[in-house]
Amino acid sequence: MSSWPTEIRLSKDRRTLYVSFDDGVSHALAAELLRVDAVKLTFDDMHDTGIFGWDYLRELGETGEAKMQAYCDALEAQGLSREPLRRR
């Protein structure tokens, strides 16, 4: 059975999406993780193509930290960074 959101809130700095579900589960999601999959957001880098289903938002809340660590590890292994060139 799918969960249904009861609250969706974007932080003032637009870096965190807070999602609460009808079964009482809540998650704070790093906006950086929301790059694929229905909430449509516009990010500070003007990326606005992601549409996010409720199940995907919940999954990110539960596994997002591990996904982010794997992403950062892959970047580092390639000599890359999450920071835009203008900020390095």
Foldseek 3Di string as FASTA:
>chain_A
DAWDWPDWDADPVRQWIWTATPVGDIAIAGVVVQQAACPWDQDPVRDTPHHHDRVRVVVCRVCVVVVVVVVQVVQVVVVHDPDDPVVD
